[in-house]
Amino acid sequence: MSNLQFVTKIDLCSLDDGSKPMEVRKLFDGEDATLIEIKLRDRHTLTRHKAVESITVLCLAGKGMFRAGSHLNEEHELVAGTLISVAAGIEHEVEAQPDVTILVTKFKRIEVEK
């Protein structure tokens, strides 16, 4: 059995000119984590939501704004290389300025047998 699994190749250099304002692509759904690529174009906003699990958001390309908290009053600019950690249950949204590609990692809780 192999210890490695190739997931996908991500183009880190371009924001392609897709026709949709938002594209969501699940790259990997493993036992410990799920990885999702999200592309937002033309100042589109991934509106307020929250994740059941803890997440990280890694900006791969472009520019955007990440907002979090009950009033979305905590902000952090997204540029390539920005990595943000968000605790489970925290409301957040992402706005493209004008285009942004992010990689979201959702960490699954693993129940340990006692």
N, C-alpha and C. Protein backbone atom coordinates (compact mmCIF):
# COMPACT_ATOMS: atom_id res chain seq x y z
N MET A 1 0.83 -1.18 0.00
CA MET A 1 0.00 0.00 0.00
C MET A 1 0.88 1.25 0.00
N SER A 2 0.56 2.23 -0.80
CA SER A 2 1.33 3.45 -0.90
C SER A 2 1.00 4.40 0.25
N ASN A 3 2.02 5.13 0.71
CA ASN A 3 1.83 6.13 1.74
C ASN A 3 1.49 7.50 1.17
N LEU A 4 1.60 7.65 -0.14
CA LEU A 4 1.35 8.91 -0.81
C LEU A 4 0.16 8.80 -1.74
N GLN A 5 -0.56 9.90 -1.87
CA GLN A 5 -1.68 9.95 -2.81
C GLN A 5 -1.62 11.28 -3.55
N PHE A 6 -1.42 11.25 -4.87
CA PHE A 6 -1.45 12.48 -5.65
C PHE A 6 -2.87 12.99 -5.67
N VAL A 7 -3.06 14.27 -5.35
CA VAL A 7 -4.39 14.85 -5.28
C VAL A 7 -4.71 15.58 -6.57
N THR A 8 -3.96 16.63 -6.88
CA THR A 8 -4.19 17.39 -8.10
C THR A 8 -3.05 18.36 -8.29
N LYS A 9 -2.97 18.97 -9.45
CA LYS A 9 -2.02 20.05 -9.71
C LYS A 9 -2.83 21.33 -9.78
N ILE A 10 -2.44 22.35 -8.99
CA ILE A 10 -3.13 23.63 -8.95
C ILE A 10 -2.28 24.65 -9.68
N ASP A 11 -2.89 25.41 -10.59
CA ASP A 11 -2.20 26.47 -11.29
C ASP A 11 -2.14 27.70 -10.38
N LEU A 12 -0.97 27.99 -9.84
CA LEU A 12 -0.81 29.08 -8.89
C LEU A 12 -0.53 30.42 -9.56
N CYS A 13 -0.35 30.41 -10.87
CA CYS A 13 0.11 31.63 -11.53
C CYS A 13 -0.99 32.42 -12.22
N SER A 14 -2.15 31.85 -12.42
CA SER A 14 -3.13 32.59 -13.21
C SER A 14 -4.51 32.54 -12.57
N LEU A 15 -5.25 33.60 -12.84
CA LEU A 15 -6.67 33.63 -12.55
C LEU A 15 -7.34 33.56 -13.91
N ASP A 16 -7.73 32.36 -14.31
CA ASP A 16 -8.29 32.22 -15.65
C ASP A 16 -9.57 33.03 -15.80
N ASP A 17 -9.89 33.34 -17.02
CA ASP A 17 -11.08 34.14 -17.30
C ASP A 17 -12.31 33.24 -17.43
N GLY A 18 -12.74 32.68 -16.35
CA GLY A 18 -13.92 31.85 -16.35
C GLY A 18 -15.17 32.70 -16.50
N SER A 19 -16.24 32.06 -16.89
CA SER A 19 -17.48 32.81 -17.13
C SER A 19 -18.32 32.96 -15.87
N LYS A 20 -18.07 32.14 -14.87
CA LYS A 20 -18.88 32.19 -13.66
C LYS A 20 -18.23 33.09 -12.61
N PRO A 21 -19.03 33.82 -11.83
CA PRO A 21 -18.45 34.67 -10.78
C PRO A 21 -17.85 33.86 -9.63
N MET A 22 -18.28 32.59 -9.47
CA MET A 22 -17.74 31.74 -8.41
C MET A 22 -17.65 30.31 -8.91
N GLU A 23 -16.50 29.69 -8.67
CA GLU A 23 -16.31 28.27 -8.96
C GLU A 23 -15.79 27.59 -7.70
N VAL A 24 -16.38 26.46 -7.37
CA VAL A 24 -15.98 25.69 -6.20
C VAL A 24 -15.63 24.29 -6.68
N ARG A 25 -14.43 23.84 -6.29
CA ARG A 25 -13.99 22.51 -6.72
C ARG A 25 -13.39 21.77 -5.53
N LYS A 26 -13.99 20.64 -5.17
CA LYS A 26 -13.44 19.80 -4.10
C LYS A 26 -12.25 19.05 -4.67
N LEU A 27 -11.09 19.30 -4.08
CA LEU A 27 -9.86 18.69 -4.57
C LEU A 27 -9.55 17.37 -3.90
N PHE A 28 -9.95 17.26 -2.63
CA PHE A 28 -9.60 16.08 -1.85
C PHE A 28 -10.56 15.93 -0.69
N ASP A 29 -11.02 14.72 -0.45
CA ASP A 29 -11.89 14.45 0.69
C ASP A 29 -11.33 13.22 1.40
N GLY A 30 -10.47 13.48 2.37
CA GLY A 30 -9.80 12.39 3.06
C GLY A 30 -10.38 12.15 4.44
N GLU A 31 -9.75 11.24 5.14
CA GLU A 31 -10.20 10.86 6.48
C GLU A 31 -10.02 12.00 7.48
N ASP A 32 -8.95 12.80 7.31
CA ASP A 32 -8.62 13.86 8.27
C ASP A 32 -9.03 15.25 7.83
N ALA A 33 -9.12 15.47 6.51
CA ALA A 33 -9.37 16.82 6.01
C ALA A 33 -10.00 16.80 4.62
N THR A 34 -10.65 17.91 4.30
CA THR A 34 -11.19 18.14 2.96
C THR A 34 -10.56 19.42 2.43
N LEU A 35 -10.11 19.40 1.17
CA LEU A 35 -9.52 20.58 0.54
C LEU A 35 -10.42 21.04 -0.58
N ILE A 36 -10.72 22.36 -0.59
CA ILE A 36 -11.64 22.94 -1.56
C ILE A 36 -11.00 24.17 -2.18
N GLU A 37 -10.98 24.23 -3.50
CA GLU A 37 -10.50 25.41 -4.21
C GLU A 37 -11.71 26.26 -4.57
N ILE A 38 -11.63 27.56 -4.24
CA ILE A 38 -12.72 28.49 -4.55
C ILE A 38 -12.15 29.65 -5.34
N LYS A 39 -12.75 29.92 -6.51
CA LYS A 39 -12.36 31.06 -7.34
C LYS A 39 -13.52 32.04 -7.36
N LEU A 40 -13.22 33.29 -6.99
CA LEU A 40 -14.21 34.36 -7.02
C LEU A 40 -13.73 35.41 -8.01
N ARG A 41 -14.65 35.86 -8.88
CA ARG A 41 -14.29 36.82 -9.91
C ARG A 41 -15.20 38.04 -9.85
N ASP A 42 -14.71 39.12 -10.44
CA ASP A 42 -15.52 40.33 -10.64
C ASP A 42 -16.15 40.84 -9.35
N ARG A 43 -15.35 40.88 -8.29
CA ARG A 43 -15.79 41.41 -6.99
C ARG A 43 -16.94 40.61 -6.36
N HIS A 44 -17.08 39.37 -6.76
CA HIS A 44 -18.10 38.49 -6.19
C HIS A 44 -17.76 38.22 -4.72
N THR A 45 -18.79 38.02 -3.89
CA THR A 45 -18.60 37.72 -2.48
C THR A 45 -19.16 36.35 -2.14
N LEU A 46 -18.35 35.56 -1.46
CA LEU A 46 -18.82 34.32 -0.86
C LEU A 46 -19.43 34.77 0.46
N THR A 47 -20.76 34.83 0.49
CA THR A 47 -21.47 35.49 1.59
C THR A 47 -21.31 34.77 2.92
N ARG A 48 -21.67 35.50 3.97
CA ARG A 48 -21.54 35.06 5.35
C ARG A 48 -22.00 33.62 5.54
N HIS A 49 -21.14 32.83 6.17
CA HIS A 49 -21.45 31.44 6.48
C HIS A 49 -20.51 31.00 7.60
N LYS A 50 -20.67 29.79 8.07
CA LYS A 50 -19.75 29.24 9.06
C LYS A 50 -19.56 27.77 8.80
N ALA A 51 -18.42 27.27 9.22
CA ALA A 51 -18.09 25.85 9.06
C ALA A 51 -18.23 25.15 10.40
N VAL A 52 -18.67 23.93 10.37
CA VAL A 52 -18.81 23.12 11.58
C VAL A 52 -17.43 22.81 12.16
N GLU A 53 -16.45 22.67 11.27
CA GLU A 53 -15.10 22.31 11.69
C GLU A 53 -14.15 23.50 11.57
N SER A 54 -12.98 23.40 12.19
CA SER A 54 -11.94 24.41 12.02
C SER A 54 -11.46 24.38 10.58
N ILE A 55 -11.07 25.57 10.07
CA ILE A 55 -10.60 25.66 8.69
C ILE A 55 -9.34 26.52 8.62
N THR A 56 -8.62 26.36 7.52
CA THR A 56 -7.61 27.33 7.13
C THR A 56 -7.98 27.82 5.74
N VAL A 57 -7.60 29.06 5.44
CA VAL A 57 -7.83 29.66 4.12
C VAL A 57 -6.47 30.14 3.64
N LEU A 58 -6.03 29.60 2.50
CA LEU A 58 -4.76 29.98 1.89
C LEU A 58 -5.06 30.67 0.56
N CYS A 59 -4.63 31.92 0.43
CA CYS A 59 -4.81 32.63 -0.83
C CYS A 59 -3.76 32.14 -1.82
N LEU A 60 -4.23 31.63 -2.96
CA LEU A 60 -3.33 31.11 -3.99
C LEU A 60 -2.99 32.16 -5.04
N ALA A 61 -3.95 33.03 -5.36
CA ALA A 61 -3.73 34.04 -6.41
C ALA A 61 -4.75 35.15 -6.25
N GLY A 62 -4.41 36.31 -6.79
CA GLY A 62 -5.33 37.43 -6.79
C GLY A 62 -5.32 38.20 -5.49
N LYS A 63 -6.43 38.92 -5.27
CA LYS A 63 -6.55 39.76 -4.09
C LYS A 63 -7.99 39.74 -3.60
N GLY A 64 -8.16 39.78 -2.28
CA GLY A 64 -9.50 39.78 -1.73
C GLY A 64 -9.49 40.26 -0.29
N MET A 65 -10.65 40.20 0.34
CA MET A 65 -10.79 40.58 1.74
C MET A 65 -11.52 39.46 2.47
N PHE A 66 -10.95 39.04 3.60
CA PHE A 66 -11.56 38.01 4.45
C PHE A 66 -12.12 38.72 5.67
N ARG A 67 -13.38 38.48 5.98
CA ARG A 67 -14.02 39.08 7.15
C ARG A 67 -14.56 37.97 8.04
N ALA A 68 -14.46 38.18 9.36
CA ALA A 68 -14.93 37.17 10.31
C ALA A 68 -15.51 37.83 11.55
N GLY A 69 -16.26 37.05 12.31
CA GLY A 69 -16.87 37.51 13.55
C GLY A 69 -18.36 37.71 13.38
N SER A 70 -19.06 37.85 14.49
CA SER A 70 -20.52 37.94 14.44
C SER A 70 -21.00 39.16 13.65
N HIS A 71 -20.20 40.22 13.59
CA HIS A 71 -20.56 41.41 12.81
C HIS A 71 -19.63 41.58 11.61
N LEU A 72 -18.83 40.54 11.32
CA LEU A 72 -17.84 40.56 10.23
C LEU A 72 -16.91 41.77 10.36
N ASN A 73 -16.61 42.14 11.60
CA ASN A 73 -15.81 43.33 11.85
C ASN A 73 -14.30 43.06 11.93
N GLU A 74 -13.89 41.80 11.86
CA GLU A 74 -12.47 41.47 11.80
C GLU A 74 -12.12 41.23 10.34
N GLU A 75 -11.12 41.96 9.82
CA GLU A 75 -10.77 41.87 8.41
C GLU A 75 -9.30 41.55 8.24
N HIS A 76 -9.02 40.84 7.15
CA HIS A 76 -7.63 40.60 6.76
C HIS A 76 -7.57 40.54 5.24
N GLU A 77 -6.61 41.29 4.68
CA GLU A 77 -6.45 41.28 3.22
C GLU A 77 -5.90 39.94 2.76
N LEU A 78 -6.43 39.45 1.65
CA LEU A 78 -5.94 38.22 1.04
C LEU A 78 -5.09 38.57 -0.18
N VAL A 79 -3.84 38.15 -0.16
CA VAL A 79 -2.95 38.20 -1.31
C VAL A 79 -2.26 36.85 -1.36
N ALA A 80 -1.68 36.52 -2.49
CA ALA A 80 -1.03 35.21 -2.63
C ALA A 80 -0.08 34.95 -1.47
N GLY A 81 -0.26 33.83 -0.82
CA GLY A 81 0.57 33.43 0.30
C GLY A 81 -0.05 33.68 1.67
N THR A 82 -1.14 34.46 1.73
CA THR A 82 -1.81 34.72 3.01
C THR A 82 -2.47 33.44 3.52
N LEU A 83 -2.23 33.10 4.77
CA LEU A 83 -2.83 31.92 5.39
C LEU A 83 -3.56 32.36 6.65
N ILE A 84 -4.85 32.02 6.72
CA ILE A 84 -5.70 32.40 7.85
C ILE A 84 -6.28 31.14 8.48
N SER A 85 -6.33 31.11 9.80
CA SER A 85 -6.96 30.01 10.53
C SER A 85 -8.24 30.53 11.16
N VAL A 86 -9.29 29.73 11.07
CA VAL A 86 -10.60 30.12 11.61
C VAL A 86 -11.14 28.96 12.45
N ALA A 87 -11.54 29.27 13.67
CA ALA A 87 -12.09 28.24 14.56
C ALA A 87 -13.47 27.79 14.08
N ALA A 88 -13.87 26.63 14.46
CA ALA A 88 -15.17 26.08 14.10
C ALA A 88 -16.28 27.02 14.58
N GLY A 89 -17.31 27.18 13.75
CA GLY A 89 -18.49 27.94 14.14
C GLY A 89 -18.38 29.44 14.00
N ILE A 90 -17.25 29.97 13.53
CA ILE A 90 -17.08 31.42 13.39
C ILE A 90 -17.62 31.86 12.02
N GLU A 91 -18.51 32.86 12.04
CA GLU A 91 -19.05 33.38 10.78
C GLU A 91 -17.96 34.12 10.02
N HIS A 92 -17.97 33.96 8.69
CA HIS A 92 -16.97 34.61 7.86
C HIS A 92 -17.48 34.75 6.43
N GLU A 93 -16.81 35.62 5.65
CA GLU A 93 -17.11 35.77 4.23
C GLU A 93 -15.83 36.19 3.52
N VAL A 94 -15.83 36.02 2.19
CA VAL A 94 -14.68 36.38 1.36
C VAL A 94 -15.18 37.22 0.20
N GLU A 95 -14.51 38.36 -0.03
CA GLU A 95 -14.85 39.24 -1.15
C GLU A 95 -13.66 39.32 -2.10
N ALA A 96 -13.88 39.10 -3.39
CA ALA A 96 -12.84 39.25 -4.39
C ALA A 96 -12.61 40.72 -4.68
N GLN A 97 -11.32 41.11 -4.87
CA GLN A 97 -10.99 42.51 -5.13
C GLN A 97 -9.96 42.63 -6.24
N PRO A 98 -10.16 42.40 -7.50
CA PRO A 98 -11.43 42.01 -8.09
C PRO A 98 -11.59 40.49 -8.24
N ASP A 99 -10.45 39.74 -8.24
CA ASP A 99 -10.49 38.28 -8.39
C ASP A 99 -9.59 37.65 -7.34
N VAL A 100 -10.00 36.50 -6.84
CA VAL A 100 -9.18 35.80 -5.85
C VAL A 100 -9.42 34.29 -5.96
N THR A 101 -8.36 33.53 -5.73
CA THR A 101 -8.45 32.07 -5.64
C THR A 101 -7.93 31.65 -4.28
N ILE A 102 -8.73 30.86 -3.55
CA ILE A 102 -8.33 30.41 -2.22
C ILE A 102 -8.42 28.89 -2.13
N LEU A 103 -7.63 28.35 -1.23
CA LEU A 103 -7.68 26.93 -0.90
C LEU A 103 -8.15 26.82 0.54
N VAL A 104 -9.30 26.20 0.74
CA VAL A 104 -9.88 26.01 2.08
C VAL A 104 -9.62 24.58 2.53
N THR A 105 -9.07 24.44 3.72
CA THR A 105 -8.89 23.12 4.31
C THR A 105 -9.84 23.01 5.50
N LYS A 106 -10.72 22.01 5.44
CA LYS A 106 -11.63 21.73 6.55
C LYS A 106 -11.07 20.52 7.30
N PHE A 107 -10.81 20.72 8.59
CA PHE A 107 -10.22 19.66 9.40
C PHE A 107 -11.32 18.87 10.09
N LYS A 108 -11.34 17.58 9.84
CA LYS A 108 -12.38 16.72 10.42
C LYS A 108 -11.97 16.27 11.81
N ARG A 109 -12.97 16.24 12.67
CA ARG A 109 -12.71 15.71 14.02
C ARG A 109 -12.68 14.19 13.94
N ILE A 110 -11.65 13.64 14.54
CA ILE A 110 -11.52 12.20 14.54
C ILE A 110 -11.78 11.68 15.95
N GLU A 111 -12.74 10.80 16.05
CA GLU A 111 -13.07 10.22 17.34
C GLU A 111 -12.04 9.13 17.66
N VAL A 112 -11.44 9.24 18.83
CA VAL A 112 -10.45 8.26 19.26
C VAL A 112 -11.14 7.25 20.14
N GLU A 113 -10.90 5.98 19.81
CA GLU A 113 -11.50 4.91 20.62
C GLU A 113 -10.83 4.86 21.99
N LYS A 114 -11.64 4.69 23.02
CA LYS A 114 -11.10 4.64 24.39
C LYS A 114 -11.02 3.21 24.87
